[in-house]
N, C-alpha and C. Protein backbone atom coordinates (compact mmCIF):
# COMPACT_ATOMS: atom_id res chain seq x y z
N MET A 1 77.55 -41.00 100.87
CA MET A 1 76.37 -41.24 100.06
C MET A 1 75.12 -41.00 100.90
N ALA A 2 74.23 -40.16 100.40
CA ALA A 2 72.96 -39.91 101.07
C ALA A 2 72.05 -41.11 100.86
N LEU A 3 71.44 -41.57 101.92
CA LEU A 3 70.56 -42.74 101.85
C LEU A 3 69.14 -42.30 101.56
N LYS A 4 68.72 -42.47 100.34
CA LYS A 4 67.39 -42.06 99.92
C LYS A 4 66.35 -43.11 100.30
N ASN A 5 65.14 -42.64 100.56
CA ASN A 5 64.01 -43.53 100.78
C ASN A 5 63.58 -44.11 99.44
N CYS A 6 62.81 -45.18 99.49
CA CYS A 6 62.36 -45.83 98.26
C CYS A 6 61.62 -44.86 97.35
N TRP A 7 60.78 -43.99 97.92
CA TRP A 7 60.00 -43.07 97.10
C TRP A 7 60.88 -42.03 96.42
N GLU A 8 62.04 -41.75 97.00
CA GLU A 8 62.98 -40.83 96.35
C GLU A 8 63.71 -41.54 95.20
N ILE A 9 64.04 -42.80 95.42
CA ILE A 9 64.73 -43.58 94.39
C ILE A 9 63.79 -43.88 93.22
N LYS A 10 62.58 -44.29 93.54
CA LYS A 10 61.61 -44.69 92.51
C LYS A 10 60.86 -43.49 91.91
N LYS A 11 60.94 -42.35 92.60
CA LYS A 11 60.26 -41.13 92.15
C LYS A 11 58.76 -41.35 91.88
N CYS A 12 58.12 -42.01 92.82
CA CYS A 12 56.71 -42.38 92.64
C CYS A 12 55.74 -41.27 93.04
N GLY A 13 56.18 -40.32 93.86
CA GLY A 13 55.30 -39.24 94.29
C GLY A 13 54.27 -39.66 95.33
N ARG A 14 54.46 -40.82 95.96
CA ARG A 14 53.49 -41.37 96.90
C ARG A 14 53.85 -41.10 98.36
N GLU A 15 54.96 -40.36 98.61
CA GLU A 15 55.33 -40.02 99.98
C GLU A 15 54.40 -38.93 100.50
N THR A 16 54.37 -38.74 101.80
CA THR A 16 53.56 -37.68 102.40
C THR A 16 53.91 -36.35 101.74
N GLY A 17 52.91 -35.69 101.20
CA GLY A 17 53.13 -34.42 100.50
C GLY A 17 53.60 -34.59 99.06
N GLY A 18 53.66 -35.82 98.58
CA GLY A 18 54.14 -36.09 97.23
C GLY A 18 53.17 -35.66 96.15
N THR A 19 53.66 -35.63 94.92
CA THR A 19 52.88 -35.11 93.80
C THR A 19 51.69 -35.98 93.40
N LYS A 20 51.70 -37.26 93.77
CA LYS A 20 50.61 -38.15 93.37
C LYS A 20 49.72 -38.58 94.54
N VAL A 21 49.93 -37.98 95.71
CA VAL A 21 49.15 -38.36 96.89
C VAL A 21 47.67 -38.08 96.70
N HIS A 22 47.32 -36.93 96.13
CA HIS A 22 45.90 -36.60 95.96
C HIS A 22 45.22 -37.58 95.00
N GLU A 23 45.97 -38.05 94.04
CA GLU A 23 45.43 -38.98 93.04
C GLU A 23 45.41 -40.43 93.54
N LEU A 24 46.51 -40.87 94.19
CA LEU A 24 46.69 -42.28 94.52
C LEU A 24 46.84 -42.59 96.00
N GLY A 25 46.97 -41.57 96.84
CA GLY A 25 47.15 -41.79 98.27
C GLY A 25 48.61 -41.99 98.65
N VAL A 26 48.86 -41.97 99.94
CA VAL A 26 50.21 -42.15 100.47
C VAL A 26 50.54 -43.65 100.49
N CYS A 27 51.72 -43.99 100.04
CA CYS A 27 52.18 -45.39 100.03
C CYS A 27 52.33 -45.89 101.47
N PRO A 28 51.97 -47.14 101.73
CA PRO A 28 52.14 -47.70 103.08
C PRO A 28 53.59 -47.64 103.59
N ALA A 29 54.57 -47.73 102.72
CA ALA A 29 55.98 -47.65 103.16
C ALA A 29 56.27 -46.27 103.73
N ALA A 30 55.70 -45.24 103.13
CA ALA A 30 55.87 -43.88 103.64
C ALA A 30 55.10 -43.70 104.94
N GLN A 31 53.90 -44.25 105.02
CA GLN A 31 53.10 -44.16 106.24
C GLN A 31 53.81 -44.82 107.41
N GLU A 32 54.46 -45.92 107.14
CA GLU A 32 55.16 -46.68 108.19
C GLU A 32 56.58 -46.17 108.44
N THR A 33 57.00 -45.17 107.69
CA THR A 33 58.38 -44.65 107.71
C THR A 33 59.41 -45.79 107.60
N LEU A 34 59.19 -46.62 106.60
CA LEU A 34 60.12 -47.71 106.30
C LEU A 34 60.61 -47.58 104.85
N GLY A 35 61.08 -46.42 104.50
CA GLY A 35 61.51 -46.14 103.14
C GLY A 35 62.79 -46.82 102.71
N HIS A 36 63.52 -47.43 103.64
CA HIS A 36 64.72 -48.20 103.30
C HIS A 36 64.44 -49.70 103.36
N TYR A 37 63.24 -50.05 103.80
CA TYR A 37 62.85 -51.46 103.93
C TYR A 37 61.44 -51.67 103.39
N CYS A 38 61.10 -51.05 102.29
CA CYS A 38 59.74 -51.05 101.76
C CYS A 38 59.21 -52.43 101.42
N TRP A 39 60.10 -53.36 101.10
CA TRP A 39 59.64 -54.70 100.70
C TRP A 39 58.94 -55.46 101.82
N ILE A 40 59.16 -55.07 103.05
CA ILE A 40 58.54 -55.75 104.18
C ILE A 40 57.08 -55.30 104.39
N ILE A 41 56.70 -54.22 103.73
CA ILE A 41 55.38 -53.63 103.90
C ILE A 41 54.40 -54.19 102.86
N SER A 42 53.29 -54.70 103.32
CA SER A 42 52.23 -55.16 102.41
C SER A 42 51.54 -53.96 101.79
N GLY A 43 51.13 -54.12 100.55
CA GLY A 43 50.34 -53.10 99.89
C GLY A 43 51.09 -51.91 99.35
N THR A 44 52.40 -52.01 99.17
CA THR A 44 53.12 -50.91 98.53
C THR A 44 52.62 -50.79 97.09
N PHE A 45 52.94 -49.70 96.44
CA PHE A 45 52.40 -49.42 95.11
C PHE A 45 53.47 -49.41 94.04
N CYS A 46 54.39 -50.32 94.08
CA CYS A 46 55.47 -50.38 93.10
C CYS A 46 54.90 -50.56 91.70
N GLY A 47 55.40 -49.76 90.79
CA GLY A 47 54.92 -49.83 89.42
C GLY A 47 53.51 -49.31 89.25
N GLY A 48 53.01 -48.56 90.25
CA GLY A 48 51.67 -48.00 90.17
C GLY A 48 50.56 -48.99 90.45
N ILE A 49 50.93 -50.21 90.87
CA ILE A 49 49.96 -51.26 91.14
C ILE A 49 50.10 -51.68 92.60
N PRO A 50 49.00 -51.76 93.36
CA PRO A 50 49.12 -52.23 94.74
C PRO A 50 49.70 -53.64 94.78
N GLN A 51 50.70 -53.82 95.60
CA GLN A 51 51.37 -55.10 95.75
C GLN A 51 50.84 -55.79 97.01
N GLY A 52 51.06 -57.07 97.12
CA GLY A 52 50.62 -57.83 98.28
C GLY A 52 51.69 -57.92 99.35
N THR A 53 51.75 -59.07 100.00
CA THR A 53 52.75 -59.32 101.03
C THR A 53 54.12 -59.54 100.37
N PHE A 54 55.16 -59.59 101.17
CA PHE A 54 56.48 -59.84 100.60
C PHE A 54 56.50 -61.16 99.85
N ALA A 55 55.86 -62.17 100.41
CA ALA A 55 55.83 -63.47 99.74
C ALA A 55 55.20 -63.36 98.36
N GLN A 56 54.18 -62.52 98.23
CA GLN A 56 53.50 -62.36 96.95
C GLN A 56 54.29 -61.49 95.96
N LYS A 57 55.08 -60.56 96.48
CA LYS A 57 55.80 -59.64 95.61
C LYS A 57 57.30 -59.90 95.58
N GLU A 58 57.73 -61.00 96.14
CA GLU A 58 59.16 -61.29 96.29
C GLU A 58 59.94 -61.18 94.98
N ALA A 59 59.45 -61.74 93.92
CA ALA A 59 60.19 -61.71 92.65
C ALA A 59 60.41 -60.28 92.19
N THR A 60 59.40 -59.44 92.34
CA THR A 60 59.53 -58.03 91.97
C THR A 60 60.55 -57.34 92.87
N CYS A 61 60.46 -57.59 94.16
CA CYS A 61 61.36 -56.94 95.12
C CYS A 61 62.81 -57.36 94.91
N LEU A 62 63.05 -58.63 94.66
CA LEU A 62 64.42 -59.10 94.51
C LEU A 62 65.15 -58.43 93.36
N SER A 63 64.42 -58.00 92.36
CA SER A 63 65.06 -57.34 91.22
C SER A 63 65.04 -55.81 91.35
N CYS A 64 64.49 -55.29 92.42
CA CYS A 64 64.37 -53.84 92.63
C CYS A 64 65.67 -53.25 93.17
N GLU A 65 66.02 -52.07 92.67
CA GLU A 65 67.25 -51.41 93.12
C GLU A 65 67.22 -51.03 94.59
N VAL A 66 66.05 -50.75 95.14
CA VAL A 66 65.94 -50.41 96.57
C VAL A 66 66.29 -51.63 97.41
N TYR A 67 65.71 -52.76 97.09
CA TYR A 67 66.00 -54.00 97.81
C TYR A 67 67.47 -54.36 97.70
N GLN A 68 68.01 -54.28 96.51
CA GLN A 68 69.41 -54.65 96.29
C GLN A 68 70.37 -53.73 97.03
N LEU A 69 69.97 -52.50 97.25
CA LEU A 69 70.81 -51.54 97.97
C LEU A 69 70.72 -51.73 99.48
N TYR A 70 69.52 -51.97 100.01
CA TYR A 70 69.29 -51.96 101.45
C TYR A 70 69.04 -53.31 102.11
N ASP A 71 68.94 -54.38 101.35
CA ASP A 71 68.68 -55.71 101.92
C ASP A 71 69.68 -56.03 103.03
N PRO A 72 69.21 -56.44 104.22
CA PRO A 72 70.11 -56.72 105.33
C PRO A 72 71.12 -57.84 105.07
N MET A 73 70.80 -58.77 104.22
CA MET A 73 71.70 -59.90 103.99
C MET A 73 72.84 -59.54 103.04
N CYS A 74 72.55 -58.74 102.02
CA CYS A 74 73.61 -58.47 101.04
C CYS A 74 73.55 -57.06 100.47
N GLY A 75 72.73 -56.20 101.04
CA GLY A 75 72.63 -54.83 100.55
C GLY A 75 73.94 -54.07 100.74
N ALA A 76 74.26 -53.28 99.77
CA ALA A 76 75.55 -52.58 99.75
C ALA A 76 75.72 -51.60 100.91
N VAL A 77 74.65 -51.00 101.38
CA VAL A 77 74.78 -49.97 102.40
C VAL A 77 73.90 -50.23 103.63
N ASN A 78 73.49 -51.46 103.87
CA ASN A 78 72.61 -51.74 105.00
C ASN A 78 73.21 -51.32 106.33
N ILE A 79 74.49 -51.49 106.53
CA ILE A 79 75.12 -51.08 107.79
C ILE A 79 74.99 -49.58 107.99
N GLN A 80 75.08 -48.83 106.90
CA GLN A 80 74.91 -47.38 106.98
C GLN A 80 73.46 -47.04 107.34
N VAL A 81 72.50 -47.75 106.79
CA VAL A 81 71.09 -47.53 107.14
C VAL A 81 70.90 -47.77 108.63
N GLN A 82 71.44 -48.87 109.15
CA GLN A 82 71.29 -49.18 110.57
C GLN A 82 71.89 -48.08 111.44
N ALA A 83 73.01 -47.52 111.02
CA ALA A 83 73.67 -46.47 111.80
C ALA A 83 72.91 -45.14 111.73
N GLU A 84 72.42 -44.79 110.55
CA GLU A 84 71.78 -43.48 110.37
C GLU A 84 70.29 -43.47 110.70
N PHE A 85 69.65 -44.64 110.63
CA PHE A 85 68.22 -44.74 110.88
C PHE A 85 67.93 -45.89 111.85
N PRO A 86 68.43 -45.80 113.08
CA PRO A 86 68.29 -46.92 114.01
C PRO A 86 66.84 -47.26 114.34
N GLU A 87 65.96 -46.27 114.45
CA GLU A 87 64.56 -46.56 114.76
C GLU A 87 63.88 -47.30 113.61
N GLU A 88 64.19 -46.91 112.39
CA GLU A 88 63.64 -47.61 111.23
C GLU A 88 64.16 -49.05 111.19
N SER A 89 65.43 -49.24 111.48
CA SER A 89 66.01 -50.58 111.51
C SER A 89 65.36 -51.45 112.57
N LYS A 90 65.06 -50.87 113.74
CA LYS A 90 64.39 -51.61 114.81
C LYS A 90 62.98 -52.01 114.39
N LYS A 91 62.26 -51.10 113.72
CA LYS A 91 60.93 -51.43 113.23
C LYS A 91 60.99 -52.56 112.21
N PHE A 92 61.99 -52.53 111.34
CA PHE A 92 62.15 -53.58 110.33
C PHE A 92 62.40 -54.93 111.00
N ILE A 93 63.31 -54.97 111.97
CA ILE A 93 63.64 -56.21 112.66
C ILE A 93 62.41 -56.75 113.40
N ALA A 94 61.68 -55.90 114.07
CA ALA A 94 60.47 -56.32 114.78
C ALA A 94 59.45 -56.89 113.80
N ARG A 95 59.29 -56.26 112.66
CA ARG A 95 58.35 -56.77 111.66
C ARG A 95 58.80 -58.11 111.10
N MET A 96 60.09 -58.27 110.87
CA MET A 96 60.62 -59.56 110.40
C MET A 96 60.37 -60.66 111.42
N ARG A 97 60.59 -60.35 112.68
CA ARG A 97 60.35 -61.35 113.74
C ARG A 97 58.90 -61.76 113.80
N SER A 98 57.98 -60.79 113.63
CA SER A 98 56.56 -61.12 113.69
C SER A 98 56.14 -62.00 112.51
N LEU A 99 56.81 -61.86 111.38
CA LEU A 99 56.50 -62.70 110.22
C LEU A 99 56.96 -64.14 110.41
N ARG A 100 57.96 -64.35 111.22
CA ARG A 100 58.51 -65.69 111.44
C ARG A 100 57.72 -66.50 112.45
N ARG A 101 56.81 -65.86 113.15
CA ARG A 101 56.03 -66.56 114.20
C ARG A 101 54.93 -67.39 113.60
């Protein structure tokens, strides 16, 4: 199974070079190259609306197919993400640690 980034799954066009970048700008998840862990990024544009922090958007994220697929605690393919995208996984872990401080 190919591991798609959130912008590929959601088809939002907000990735670098995407169809909606000129209109809406690049999504922070794409800028941070955290397309498998987008929920950790503040200001993502899920549903075409700028979202806040994870705490503010948690309910939306918990029901999202990207979160359900890649969540480290129970995501179906998180181990595959860690193996195929180790640098992205390290960035995610570092960001999680900084939130706990």
